[in-house]
Amino acid sequence: MRLSGPDYRVILGIHFFQGTAKNAVRRMRRGGLLVVPAAPALKDIERDLGYREALRNADVAITDSAFMVMAWNRLHHDTMTRLSGLEYLRELLRQPDVRAAGNCLWVMANDEAAKKNLAWLLEHKIEVHEECVYVAPVYGAGGTEIEDPVLLEKLERYKPEHIIVTVGGGVQEQLGWYLKRTLKYRPAIHCIGAAIAFLSGDQVRIPAWADHLYLGWLFRSLSEPKRFIPRYWDARKLFGLLRQYHDRLPSTMPYATGRASNARS
């Protein structure tokens, strides 16, 4: 099994980047798709075929899931490190080209999230023009393949260097893969999900120390227990997949399908 390497770990058939946020941002300079798989979505890799395909075709997958990192290290006596989506976003937003007005298009989950996120960005001296904001529809209704010709046309018209996708985990990766394979140019597509919501107050704010100590899940669970405790409890199924498949891509289930939700992961 290809369990380790200087720059990656192969886990469930996915190449996870091993390195700093700064190095991950540097790798995305050449464009492509970055994904941040969370345990509640990753546990469905057997049956969610669109999500599975998106992860396999990502250029960079970072180890945001504390549960996955801890389970993997326990099973393999490894020292794999975690790189959270929040840490990655903080580094990304330090880049002058990302901060430059008109160079980055934001895909927001809904109008309320867009309002809070844009206010936070402006407060931190990151101005986002109106034409560089896109509020996503609900994708994949009825298990259909995720497509968005309206967003595609907007991107082809403005050609931003960066696309930052902040919709739900399991959905955003499929949208990112659709854009990567369909756009006529090669931007950097960053699928960072709820990361900005932790900064803007659209979800509970997670301080850097809590993120570093793998406690983001606890903050979220305490803020909305009915929503997040069942989600994180269900994510325990990921341990069984890791124990069974290790570095191999899991077999697909006969009832494999897709999902439909824009809720931030």
C-alpha atoms as a PDB file:
ATOM      1  CA  MET A   1       0.000   0.000   0.000  1.00  0.00           C
ATOM      2  CA  ARG A   2       1.184   3.540  -0.803  1.00  0.00           C
ATOM      3  CA  LEU A   3       0.681   4.860   2.684  1.00  0.00           C
ATOM      4  CA  SER A   4       3.159   7.681   2.745  1.00  0.00           C
ATOM      5  CA  GLY A   5       5.240  10.075   0.739  1.00  0.00           C
ATOM      6  CA  PRO A   6       6.936  13.404   1.250  1.00  0.00           C
ATOM      7  CA  ASP A   7       4.051  15.409  -0.193  1.00  0.00           C
ATOM      8  CA  TYR A   8       0.927  13.229   0.078  1.00  0.00           C
ATOM      9  CA  ARG A   9      -0.907  10.293   1.614  1.00  0.00           C
ATOM     10  CA  VAL A  10      -3.115   8.022  -0.485  1.00  0.00           C
ATOM     11  CA  ILE A  11      -6.278   7.479   1.570  1.00  0.00           C
ATOM     12  CA  LEU A  12      -9.370   5.742   0.141  1.00  0.00           C
ATOM     13  CA  GLY A  13      -7.883   6.259  -3.308  1.00  0.00           C
ATOM     14  CA  ILE A  14      -7.555  10.025  -2.816  1.00  0.00           C
ATOM     15  CA  HIS A  15      -4.175  11.790  -2.813  1.00  0.00           C
ATOM     16  CA  PHE A  16      -4.153  14.041   0.242  1.00  0.00           C
ATOM     17  CA  PHE A  17      -1.635  16.860   0.291  1.00  0.00           C
ATOM     18  CA  GLN A  18       0.917  16.894   3.104  1.00  0.00           C
ATOM     19  CA  GLY A  19       2.435  20.286   3.693  1.00  0.00           C
ATOM     20  CA  THR A  20       1.796  23.802   4.884  1.00  0.00           C
ATOM     21  CA  ALA A  21      -1.009  26.131   3.887  1.00  0.00           C
ATOM     22  CA  LYS A  22       1.581  28.321   2.179  1.00  0.00           C
ATOM     23  CA  ASN A  23       2.775  25.409   0.031  1.00  0.00           C
ATOM     24  CA  ALA A  24      -0.800  24.393  -0.807  1.00  0.00           C
ATOM     25  CA  VAL A  25      -1.559  27.935  -1.979  1.00  0.00           C
ATOM     26  CA  ARG A  26       1.648  27.894  -4.006  1.00  0.00           C
ATOM     27  CA  ARG A  27       0.587  24.655  -5.723  1.00  0.00           C
ATOM     28  CA  MET A  28      -2.711  26.241  -6.705  1.00  0.00           C
ATOM     29  CA  ARG A  29      -0.861  29.016  -8.546  1.00  0.00           C
ATOM     30  CA  ARG A  30      -0.923  26.829 -11.637  1.00  0.00           C
ATOM     31  CA  GLY A  31      -4.731  26.592 -11.443  1.00  0.00           C
ATOM     32  CA  GLY A  32      -6.894  23.528 -10.952  1.00  0.00           C
ATOM     33  CA  LEU A  33      -9.247  22.238  -8.271  1.00  0.00           C
ATOM     34  CA  LEU A  34      -8.675  22.222  -4.509  1.00  0.00           C
ATOM     35  CA  VAL A  35     -11.024  20.244  -2.256  1.00  0.00           C
ATOM     36  CA  VAL A  36     -11.374  20.059   1.526  1.00  0.00           C
ATOM     37  CA  PRO A  37     -13.082  16.704   2.275  1.00  0.00           C
ATOM     38  CA  ALA A  38     -14.847  16.586   5.648  1.00  0.00           C
ATOM     39  CA  ALA A  39     -15.666  13.323   7.420  1.00  0.00           C
ATOM     40  CA  PRO A  40     -19.493  13.688   7.141  1.00  0.00           C
ATOM     41  CA  ALA A  41     -19.178  13.799   3.338  1.00  0.00           C
ATOM     42  CA  LEU A  42     -16.160  11.486   2.957  1.00  0.00           C
ATOM     43  CA  LYS A  43     -17.995   8.617   4.669  1.00  0.00           C
ATOM     44  CA  ASP A  44     -20.339   8.563   1.625  1.00  0.00           C
ATOM     45  CA  ILE A  45     -17.595   7.931  -0.925  1.00  0.00           C
ATOM     46  CA  GLU A  46     -19.009   4.447  -1.613  1.00  0.00           C
ATOM     47  CA  ARG A  47     -22.410   5.689  -2.737  1.00  0.00           C
ATOM     48  CA  ASP A  48     -22.031   9.322  -3.824  1.00  0.00           C
ATOM     49  CA  LEU A  49     -20.542   8.824  -7.267  1.00  0.00           C
ATOM     50  CA  GLY A  50     -20.381  12.499  -8.251  1.00  0.00           C
ATOM     51  CA  TYR A  51     -18.526  13.397  -5.063  1.00  0.00           C
ATOM     52  CA  ARG A  52     -16.212  10.428  -5.471  1.00  0.00           C
ATOM     53  CA  GLU A  53     -15.336  11.438  -9.041  1.00  0.00           C
ATOM     54  CA  ALA A  54     -14.703  15.045  -7.995  1.00  0.00           C
ATOM     55  CA  LEU A  55     -12.237  13.997  -5.280  1.00  0.00           C
ATOM     56  CA  ARG A  56     -10.410  11.687  -7.668  1.00  0.00           C
ATOM     57  CA  ASN A  57      -9.968  14.531 -10.164  1.00  0.00           C
ATOM     58  CA  ALA A  58      -8.912  17.219  -7.702  1.00  0.00           C
ATOM     59  CA  ASP A  59      -5.436  18.683  -8.080  1.00  0.00           C
ATOM     60  CA  VAL A  60      -5.063  19.263  -4.335  1.00  0.00           C
ATOM     61  CA  ALA A  61      -7.019  17.588  -1.508  1.00  0.00           C
ATOM     62  CA  ILE A  62      -6.165  18.839   1.958  1.00  0.00           C
ATOM     63  CA  THR A  63      -6.524  16.991   5.259  1.00  0.00           C
ATOM     64  CA  ASP A  64      -9.235  19.108   6.857  1.00  0.00           C
ATOM     65  CA  SER A  65     -10.903  16.189   8.677  1.00  0.00           C
ATOM     66  CA  ALA A  66      -9.422  15.850  12.176  1.00  0.00           C
ATOM     67  CA  PHE A  67     -11.265  12.548  12.569  1.00  0.00           C
ATOM     68  CA  MET A  68      -9.733  11.140   9.381  1.00  0.00           C
ATOM     69  CA  VAL A  69      -6.236  12.258  10.405  1.00  0.00           C
ATOM     70  CA  MET A  70      -6.497  10.755  13.893  1.00  0.00           C
ATOM     71  CA  ALA A  71      -8.051   7.507  12.647  1.00  0.00           C
ATOM     72  CA  TRP A  72      -5.451   7.108   9.894  1.00  0.00           C
ATOM     73  CA  ASN A  73      -2.546   7.745  12.250  1.00  0.00           C
ATOM     74  CA  ARG A  74      -3.918   5.240  14.745  1.00  0.00           C
ATOM     75  CA  LEU A  75      -4.501   2.523  12.150  1.00  0.00           C
ATOM     76  CA  HIS A  76      -1.123   2.971  10.457  1.00  0.00           C
ATOM     77  CA  HIS A  77       1.093   4.307  13.252  1.00  0.00           C
ATOM     78  CA  ASP A  78       1.637   7.285  10.980  1.00  0.00           C
ATOM     79  CA  THR A  79       2.366  10.944  11.679  1.00  0.00           C
ATOM     80  CA  MET A  80       0.187  12.511   9.000  1.00  0.00           C
ATOM     81  CA  THR A  81      -0.513  16.164   9.748  1.00  0.00           C
ATOM     82  CA  ARG A  82      -3.750  18.092   9.391  1.00  0.00           C
ATOM     83  CA  LEU A  83      -4.245  21.159   7.224  1.00  0.00           C
ATOM     84  CA  SER A  84      -7.663  22.680   7.867  1.00  0.00           C
ATOM     85  CA  GLY A  85      -9.773  24.555   5.371  1.00  0.00           C
ATOM     86  CA  LEU A  86      -9.810  27.485   7.771  1.00  0.00           C
ATOM     87  CA  GLU A  87      -6.004  27.620   7.906  1.00  0.00           C
ATOM     88  CA  TYR A  88      -5.832  27.351   4.123  1.00  0.00           C
ATOM     89  CA  LEU A  89      -8.350  30.168   3.649  1.00  0.00           C
ATOM     90  CA  ARG A  90      -6.476  32.461   6.027  1.00  0.00           C
ATOM     91  CA  GLU A  91      -3.324  31.982   3.953  1.00  0.00           C
ATOM     92  CA  LEU A  92      -5.192  32.349   0.665  1.00  0.00           C
ATOM     93  CA  LEU A  93      -6.683  35.672   1.742  1.00  0.00           C
ATOM     94  CA  ARG A  94      -3.205  37.054   2.428  1.00  0.00           C
ATOM     95  CA  GLN A  95      -2.335  36.817  -1.275  1.00  0.00           C
ATOM     96  CA  PRO A  96      -2.364  40.162  -3.134  1.00  0.00           C
ATOM     97  CA  ASP A  97      -3.929  38.647  -6.260  1.00  0.00           C
ATOM     98  CA  VAL A  98      -6.817  37.186  -4.210  1.00  0.00           C
ATOM     99  CA  ARG A  99      -7.365  40.514  -2.436  1.00  0.00           C
ATOM    100  CA  ALA A 100      -7.318  42.478  -5.704  1.00  0.00           C
ATOM    101  CA  ALA A 101     -10.787  43.678  -6.729  1.00  0.00           C
ATOM    102  CA  GLY A 102     -12.141  41.810  -9.746  1.00  0.00           C
ATOM    103  CA  ASN A 103      -9.627  38.975  -9.628  1.00  0.00           C
ATOM    104  CA  CYS A 104     -11.680  36.571  -7.535  1.00  0.00           C
ATOM    105  CA  LEU A 105     -15.276  35.341  -7.890  1.00  0.00           C
ATOM    106  CA  TRP A 106     -17.096  34.088  -4.778  1.00  0.00           C
ATOM    107  CA  VAL A 107     -19.804  31.416  -5.016  1.00  0.00           C
ATOM    108  CA  MET A 108     -22.025  31.863  -1.949  1.00  0.00           C
ATOM    109  CA  ALA A 109     -24.522  29.394  -0.487  1.00  0.00           C
ATOM    110  CA  ASN A 110     -27.374  31.914  -0.088  1.00  0.00           C
ATOM    111  CA  ASP A 111     -28.131  35.618   0.207  1.00  0.00           C
ATOM    112  CA  GLU A 112     -27.739  35.765   3.992  1.00  0.00           C
ATOM    113  CA  ALA A 113     -24.343  34.052   3.876  1.00  0.00           C
ATOM    114  CA  ALA A 114     -23.240  36.359   1.064  1.00  0.00           C
ATOM    115  CA  LYS A 115     -24.178  39.462   3.073  1.00  0.00           C
ATOM    116  CA  LYS A 116     -22.220  38.369   6.169  1.00  0.00           C
ATOM    117  CA  ASN A 117     -19.218  37.074   4.232  1.00  0.00           C
ATOM    118  CA  LEU A 118     -18.918  40.193   2.078  1.00  0.00           C
ATOM    119  CA  ALA A 119     -19.188  42.443   5.135  1.00  0.00           C
ATOM    120  CA  TRP A 120     -16.347  40.547   6.798  1.00  0.00           C
ATOM    121  CA  LEU A 121     -14.206  40.700   3.670  1.00  0.00           C
ATOM    122  CA  LEU A 122     -14.753  44.451   3.348  1.00  0.00           C
ATOM    123  CA  GLU A 123     -13.914  44.908   7.035  1.00  0.00           C
ATOM    124  CA  HIS A 124     -10.584  43.215   6.274  1.00  0.00           C
ATOM    125  CA  LYS A 125      -9.968  45.463   3.274  1.00  0.00           C
ATOM    126  CA  ILE A 126     -10.922  42.897   0.643  1.00  0.00           C
ATOM    127  CA  GLU A 127     -13.330  44.581  -1.740  1.00  0.00           C
ATOM    128  CA  VAL A 128     -15.512  42.273  -3.832  1.00  0.00           C
ATOM    129  CA  HIS A 129     -17.401  43.825  -6.746  1.00  0.00           C
ATOM    130  CA  GLU A 130     -21.038  42.922  -7.261  1.00  0.00           C
ATOM    131  CA  GLU A 131     -20.273  41.081 -10.496  1.00  0.00           C
ATOM    132  CA  CYS A 132     -17.798  38.891  -8.584  1.00  0.00           C
ATOM    133  CA  VAL A 133     -20.468  37.399  -6.311  1.00  0.00           C
ATOM    134  CA  TYR A 134     -22.678  34.498  -7.343  1.00  0.00           C
ATOM    135  CA  VAL A 135     -25.420  33.091  -5.104  1.00  0.00           C
ATOM    136  CA  ALA A 136     -25.732  29.417  -5.965  1.00  0.00           C
ATOM    137  CA  PRO A 137     -29.011  27.628  -6.689  1.00  0.00           C
ATOM    138  CA  VAL A 138     -29.779  24.271  -5.045  1.00  0.00           C
ATOM    139  CA  TYR A 139     -27.726  21.769  -7.022  1.00  0.00           C
ATOM    140  CA  GLY A 140     -28.305  18.148  -7.930  1.00  0.00           C
ATOM    141  CA  ALA A 141     -32.046  17.938  -7.208  1.00  0.00           C
ATOM    142  CA  GLY A 142     -33.300  14.391  -7.752  1.00  0.00           C
ATOM    143  CA  GLY A 143     -29.780  13.013  -7.997  1.00  0.00           C
ATOM    144  CA  THR A 144     -29.037  14.791 -11.286  1.00  0.00           C
ATOM    145  CA  GLU A 145     -25.508  15.709 -12.269  1.00  0.00           C
ATOM    146  CA  ILE A 146     -24.399  19.100 -10.979  1.00  0.00           C
ATOM    147  CA  GLU A 147     -24.215  21.722 -13.725  1.00  0.00           C
ATOM    148  CA  ASP A 148     -24.589  25.488 -13.749  1.00  0.00           C
ATOM    149  CA  PRO A 149     -24.537  27.128 -17.202  1.00  0.00           C
ATOM    150  CA  VAL A 150     -25.372  30.546 -15.692  1.00  0.00           C
ATOM    151  CA  LEU A 151     -22.270  30.469 -13.488  1.00  0.00           C
ATOM    152  CA  LEU A 152     -20.241  29.075 -16.379  1.00  0.00           C
ATOM    153  CA  GLU A 153     -21.227  31.978 -18.638  1.00  0.00           C
ATOM    154  CA  LYS A 154     -20.403  34.492 -15.903  1.00  0.00           C
ATOM    155  CA  LEU A 155     -16.957  32.994 -15.389  1.00  0.00           C
ATOM    156  CA  GLU A 156     -16.189  32.903 -19.112  1.00  0.00           C
ATOM    157  CA  ARG A 157     -17.207  36.562 -19.370  1.00  0.00           C
ATOM    158  CA  TYR A 158     -15.088  37.869 -16.470  1.00  0.00           C
ATOM    159  CA  LYS A 159     -12.378  35.179 -16.343  1.00  0.00           C
ATOM    160  CA  PRO A 160     -11.371  35.645 -12.694  1.00  0.00           C
ATOM    161  CA  GLU A 161      -8.075  34.065 -11.718  1.00  0.00           C
ATOM    162  CA  HIS A 162      -9.593  32.600  -8.545  1.00  0.00           C
ATOM    163  CA  ILE A 163     -12.994  31.012  -7.841  1.00  0.00           C
ATOM    164  CA  ILE A 164     -13.822  30.475  -4.163  1.00  0.00           C
ATOM    165  CA  VAL A 165     -16.741  28.112  -3.562  1.00  0.00           C
ATOM    166  CA  THR A 166     -18.447  28.263  -0.169  1.00  0.00           C
ATOM    167  CA  VAL A 167     -21.410  25.887  -0.558  1.00  0.00           C
ATOM    168  CA  GLY A 168     -21.975  22.530   1.170  1.00  0.00           C
ATOM    169  CA  GLY A 169     -19.434  19.737   1.354  1.00  0.00           C
ATOM    170  CA  GLY A 170     -20.214  16.929  -1.074  1.00  0.00           C
ATOM    171  CA  VAL A 171     -21.836  19.444  -3.423  1.00  0.00           C
ATOM    172  CA  GLN A 172     -19.113  22.074  -3.821  1.00  0.00           C
ATOM    173  CA  GLU A 173     -16.552  19.486  -4.925  1.00  0.00           C
ATOM    174  CA  GLN A 174     -18.851  18.341  -7.734  1.00  0.00           C
ATOM    175  CA  LEU A 175     -19.453  21.931  -8.794  1.00  0.00           C
ATOM    176  CA  GLY A 176     -15.707  22.533  -8.771  1.00  0.00           C
ATOM    177  CA  TRP A 177     -15.081  19.440 -10.913  1.00  0.00           C
ATOM    178  CA  TYR A 178     -17.801  20.567 -13.351  1.00  0.00           C
ATOM    179  CA  LEU A 179     -16.134  23.975 -13.680  1.00  0.00           C
ATOM    180  CA  LYS A 180     -12.649  22.513 -14.041  1.00  0.00           C
ATOM    181  CA  ARG A 181     -13.614  20.222 -16.908  1.00  0.00           C
ATOM    182  CA  THR A 182     -15.965  22.675 -18.649  1.00  0.00           C
ATOM    183  CA  LEU A 183     -14.313  26.105 -18.479  1.00  0.00           C
ATOM    184  CA  LYS A 184     -12.230  27.130 -21.486  1.00  0.00           C
ATOM    185  CA  TYR A 185      -9.516  28.580 -19.259  1.00  0.00           C
ATOM    186  CA  ARG A 186      -7.794  27.248 -16.106  1.00  0.00           C
ATOM    187  CA  PRO A 187      -8.497  29.266 -12.946  1.00  0.00           C
ATOM    188  CA  ALA A 188      -7.722  28.171  -9.391  1.00  0.00           C
ATOM    189  CA  ILE A 189     -10.947  26.728  -7.944  1.00  0.00           C
ATOM    190  CA  HIS A 190     -10.881  26.684  -4.133  1.00  0.00           C
ATOM    191  CA  CYS A 191     -13.734  24.658  -2.561  1.00  0.00           C
ATOM    192  CA  ILE A 192     -13.438  25.878   1.037  1.00  0.00           C
ATOM    193  CA  GLY A 193     -17.014  25.316   2.251  1.00  0.00           C
ATOM    194  CA  ALA A 194     -17.798  26.713   5.688  1.00  0.00           C
ATOM    195  CA  ALA A 195     -14.320  28.111   6.351  1.00  0.00           C
ATOM    196  CA  ILE A 196     -15.254  31.733   5.707  1.00  0.00           C
ATOM    197  CA  ALA A 197     -18.454  31.301   7.757  1.00  0.00           C
ATOM    198  CA  PHE A 198     -16.261  30.634  10.812  1.00  0.00           C
ATOM    199  CA  LEU A 199     -14.648  34.039  10.282  1.00  0.00           C
ATOM    200  CA  SER A 200     -17.677  36.101   9.234  1.00  0.00           C
ATOM    201  CA  GLY A 201     -20.102  34.868  11.886  1.00  0.00           C
ATOM    202  CA  ASP A 202     -22.391  33.130   9.400  1.00  0.00           C
ATOM    203  CA  GLN A 203     -21.613  30.101  11.567  1.00  0.00           C
ATOM    204  CA  VAL A 204     -20.037  29.984  15.014  1.00  0.00           C
ATOM    205  CA  ARG A 205     -16.643  31.692  15.033  1.00  0.00           C
ATOM    206  CA  ILE A 206     -13.770  29.249  15.493  1.00  0.00           C
ATOM    207  CA  PRO A 207     -10.564  30.811  16.852  1.00  0.00           C
ATOM    208  CA  ALA A 208      -7.224  29.737  15.393  1.00  0.00           C
ATOM    209  CA  TRP A 209      -6.203  27.955  18.632  1.00  0.00           C
ATOM    210  CA  ALA A 210      -9.362  25.804  18.580  1.00  0.00           C
ATOM    211  CA  ASP A 211      -8.845  24.906  14.923  1.00  0.00           C
ATOM    212  CA  HIS A 212      -5.217  23.990  15.697  1.00  0.00           C
ATOM    213  CA  LEU A 213      -6.363  21.699  18.541  1.00  0.00           C
ATOM    214  CA  TYR A 214      -8.933  19.902  16.310  1.00  0.00           C
ATOM    215  CA  LEU A 215     -11.848  21.427  18.264  1.00  0.00           C
ATOM    216  CA  GLY A 216     -13.820  23.003  15.437  1.00  0.00           C
ATOM    217  CA  TRP A 217     -16.381  20.192  15.559  1.00  0.00           C
ATOM    218  CA  LEU A 218     -16.982  20.898  19.268  1.00  0.00           C
ATOM    219  CA  PHE A 219     -17.626  24.607  18.691  1.00  0.00           C
ATOM    220  CA  ARG A 220     -20.089  23.791  15.923  1.00  0.00           C
ATOM    221  CA  SER A 221     -21.828  21.090  17.962  1.00  0.00           C
ATOM    222  CA  LEU A 222     -22.268  23.405  20.946  1.00  0.00           C
ATOM    223  CA  SER A 223     -23.598  26.193  18.735  1.00  0.00           C
ATOM    224  CA  GLU A 224     -26.196  24.034  16.922  1.00  0.00           C
ATOM    225  CA  PRO A 225     -26.421  20.629  18.647  1.00  0.00           C
ATOM    226  CA  LYS A 226     -29.485  19.375  16.759  1.00  0.00           C
ATOM    227  CA  ARG A 227     -27.805  20.055  13.453  1.00  0.00           C
ATOM    228  CA  PHE A 228     -24.205  19.041  14.026  1.00  0.00           C
ATOM    229  CA  ILE A 229     -24.158  16.312  16.674  1.00  0.00           C
ATOM    230  CA  PRO A 230     -26.057  13.796  14.465  1.00  0.00           C
ATOM    231  CA  ARG A 231     -23.837  14.755  11.515  1.00  0.00           C
ATOM    232  CA  TYR A 232     -20.608  14.164  13.393  1.00  0.00           C
ATOM    233  CA  TRP A 233     -21.926  11.010  15.051  1.00  0.00           C
ATOM    234  CA  ASP A 234     -22.811   9.595  11.638  1.00  0.00           C
ATOM    235  CA  ALA A 235     -19.283  10.418  10.423  1.00  0.00           C
ATOM    236  CA  ARG A 236     -17.930   7.620  12.649  1.00  0.00           C
ATOM    237  CA  LYS A 237     -18.652   5.285   9.704  1.00  0.00           C
ATOM    238  CA  LEU A 238     -15.526   6.684   8.075  1.00  0.00           C
ATOM    239  CA  PHE A 239     -13.384   4.690  10.515  1.00  0.00           C
ATOM    240  CA  GLY A 240     -14.796   1.430   9.124  1.00  0.00           C
ATOM    241  CA  LEU A 241     -13.975   2.498   5.578  1.00  0.00           C
ATOM    242  CA  LEU A 242     -10.414   3.394   6.564  1.00  0.00           C
ATOM    243  CA  ARG A 243      -9.954   0.065   8.323  1.00  0.00           C
ATOM    244  CA  GLN A 244     -11.340  -1.897   5.365  1.00  0.00           C
ATOM    245  CA  TYR A 245      -9.882  -0.070   2.372  1.00  0.00           C
ATOM    246  CA  HIS A 246      -6.846   1.847   3.663  1.00  0.00           C
ATOM    247  CA  ASP A 247      -5.356   3.472   0.534  1.00  0.00           C
ATOM    248  CA  ARG A 248      -7.738   1.766  -1.932  1.00  0.00           C
ATOM    249  CA  LEU A 249     -10.770   3.414  -3.488  1.00  0.00           C
ATOM    250  CA  PRO A 250     -13.849   1.775  -1.916  1.00  0.00           C
ATOM    251  CA  SER A 251     -16.171  -0.341  -4.014  1.00  0.00           C
ATOM    252  CA  THR A 252     -19.386   1.387  -5.060  1.00  0.00           C
ATOM    253  CA  MET A 253     -22.717   0.401  -3.549  1.00  0.00           C
ATOM    254  CA  PRO A 254     -25.525  -0.794  -5.847  1.00  0.00           C
ATOM    255  CA  TYR A 255     -27.753   2.140  -4.825  1.00  0.00           C
ATOM    256  CA  ALA A 256     -25.057   4.769  -5.355  1.00  0.00           C
ATOM    257  CA  THR A 257     -26.438   8.212  -6.204  1.00  0.00           C
ATOM    258  CA  GLY A 258     -25.817  11.910  -5.607  1.00  0.00           C
ATOM    259  CA  ARG A 259     -26.989  14.589  -3.165  1.00  0.00           C
ATOM    260  CA  ALA A 260     -28.708  17.951  -3.201  1.00  0.00           C
ATOM    261  CA  SER A 261     -27.876  20.646  -0.680  1.00  0.00           C
ATOM    262  CA  ASN A 262     -26.052  23.953  -0.519  1.00  0.00           C
ATOM    263  CA  ALA A 263     -25.819  24.013   3.293  1.00  0.00           C
ATOM    264  CA  ARG A 264     -22.302  24.825   4.424  1.00  0.00           C
ATOM    265  CA  SER A 265     -20.503  21.676   5.523  1.00  0.00           C
END
